[in-house]
């Protein structure tokens, strides 16, 4: 089974797997809370949306 985007690419963008997991989890919680406040159903799962944001460069680790 091929994963997209590749985990290795995501780790390269964040520096480590630990930072990747923390970044994605925080963003997913934020997206979920925002959808709940607006009482709408997100078109994508929050974790998938957060991963896409990391992969496209919209979301990154503060240094």
C-alpha atoms as a PDB file:
ATOM      1  CA  UNK A   1       0.000   0.000   0.000  1.00  0.00           C
ATOM      2  CA  UNK A   2       1.400   3.390  -0.997  1.00  0.00           C
ATOM      3  CA  UNK A   3       0.810   6.349   1.280  1.00  0.00           C
ATOM      4  CA  UNK A   4       0.363   9.822  -0.107  1.00  0.00           C
ATOM      5  CA  UNK A   5       1.989  12.065   0.787  1.00  0.00           C
ATOM      6  CA  UNK A   6       4.995   9.970   1.758  1.00  0.00           C
ATOM      7  CA  UNK A   7       5.821  10.143   5.458  1.00  0.00           C
ATOM      8  CA  UNK A   8       9.495  10.725   4.655  1.00  0.00           C
ATOM      9  CA  UNK A   9       8.587  13.924   2.776  1.00  0.00           C
ATOM     10  CA  UNK A  10       6.487  15.150   5.701  1.00  0.00           C
ATOM     11  CA  UNK A  11       9.268  14.406   8.183  1.00  0.00           C
ATOM     12  CA  UNK A  12      11.717  16.344   5.987  1.00  0.00           C
ATOM     13  CA  UNK A  13       9.418  19.376   6.195  1.00  0.00           C
ATOM     14  CA  UNK A  14       9.062  19.256   9.992  1.00  0.00           C
ATOM     15  CA  UNK A  15      12.424  17.940  11.161  1.00  0.00           C
ATOM     16  CA  UNK A  16      11.283  14.843  13.046  1.00  0.00           C
ATOM     17  CA  UNK A  17       8.398  12.422  13.370  1.00  0.00           C
ATOM     18  CA  UNK A  18       7.666  13.784  16.837  1.00  0.00           C
ATOM     19  CA  UNK A  19       7.247  17.327  15.538  1.00  0.00           C
ATOM     20  CA  UNK A  20       5.155  16.074  12.630  1.00  0.00           C
ATOM     21  CA  UNK A  21       2.737  14.251  14.922  1.00  0.00           C
ATOM     22  CA  UNK A  22       2.433  17.219  17.290  1.00  0.00           C
ATOM     23  CA  UNK A  23       1.927  19.717  14.475  1.00  0.00           C
ATOM     24  CA  UNK A  24      -0.717  17.625  12.721  1.00  0.00           C
ATOM     25  CA  UNK A  25      -2.552  16.814  15.965  1.00  0.00           C
ATOM     26  CA  UNK A  26      -2.726  20.454  17.054  1.00  0.00           C
ATOM     27  CA  UNK A  27      -3.944  21.635  13.661  1.00  0.00           C
ATOM     28  CA  UNK A  28      -6.499  18.821  13.416  1.00  0.00           C
ATOM     29  CA  UNK A  29      -7.939  19.754  16.825  1.00  0.00           C
ATOM     30  CA  UNK A  30      -8.163  23.390  15.728  1.00  0.00           C
ATOM     31  CA  UNK A  31      -9.904  22.486  12.462  1.00  0.00           C
ATOM     32  CA  UNK A  32     -12.327  20.214  14.295  1.00  0.00           C
ATOM     33  CA  UNK A  33     -13.173  22.877  16.869  1.00  0.00           C
ATOM     34  CA  UNK A  34     -13.714  25.507  14.166  1.00  0.00           C
ATOM     35  CA  UNK A  35     -16.084  23.199  12.277  1.00  0.00           C
ATOM     36  CA  UNK A  36     -17.981  22.481  15.478  1.00  0.00           C
ATOM     37  CA  UNK A  37     -18.336  26.196  16.267  1.00  0.00           C
ATOM     38  CA  UNK A  38     -19.744  26.840  12.800  1.00  0.00           C
ATOM     39  CA  UNK A  39     -21.948  23.746  13.109  1.00  0.00           C
ATOM     40  CA  UNK A  40     -20.814  22.360   9.793  1.00  0.00           C
ATOM     41  CA  UNK A  41     -19.425  19.058   8.620  1.00  0.00           C
ATOM     42  CA  UNK A  42     -15.911  19.324   7.222  1.00  0.00           C
ATOM     43  CA  UNK A  43     -15.449  18.044   3.677  1.00  0.00           C
ATOM     44  CA  UNK A  44     -12.198  16.291   4.714  1.00  0.00           C
ATOM     45  CA  UNK A  45     -11.227  14.646   7.940  1.00  0.00           C
ATOM     46  CA  UNK A  46      -9.293  17.112  10.118  1.00  0.00           C
ATOM     47  CA  UNK A  47      -6.152  14.950  10.231  1.00  0.00           C
ATOM     48  CA  UNK A  48      -6.112  14.604   6.432  1.00  0.00           C
ATOM     49  CA  UNK A  49      -6.562  18.354   6.018  1.00  0.00           C
ATOM     50  CA  UNK A  50      -3.723  19.052   8.460  1.00  0.00           C
ATOM     51  CA  UNK A  51      -1.405  16.627   6.655  1.00  0.00           C
ATOM     52  CA  UNK A  52      -2.201  18.304   3.339  1.00  0.00           C
ATOM     53  CA  UNK A  53      -1.376  21.691   4.867  1.00  0.00           C
ATOM     54  CA  UNK A  54       2.019  20.418   6.023  1.00  0.00           C
ATOM     55  CA  UNK A  55       2.754  18.855   2.637  1.00  0.00           C
ATOM     56  CA  UNK A  56       1.832  21.990   0.668  1.00  0.00           C
ATOM     57  CA  UNK A  57       3.785  24.270   3.006  1.00  0.00           C
ATOM     58  CA  UNK A  58       0.800  26.153   4.454  1.00  0.00           C
ATOM     59  CA  UNK A  59       1.663  24.782   7.895  1.00  0.00           C
ATOM     60  CA  UNK A  60       5.149  24.532   9.330  1.00  0.00           C
ATOM     61  CA  UNK A  61       7.047  24.274  12.598  1.00  0.00           C
ATOM     62  CA  UNK A  62       8.068  27.554  14.211  1.00  0.00           C
ATOM     63  CA  UNK A  63      11.809  27.697  14.760  1.00  0.00           C
END
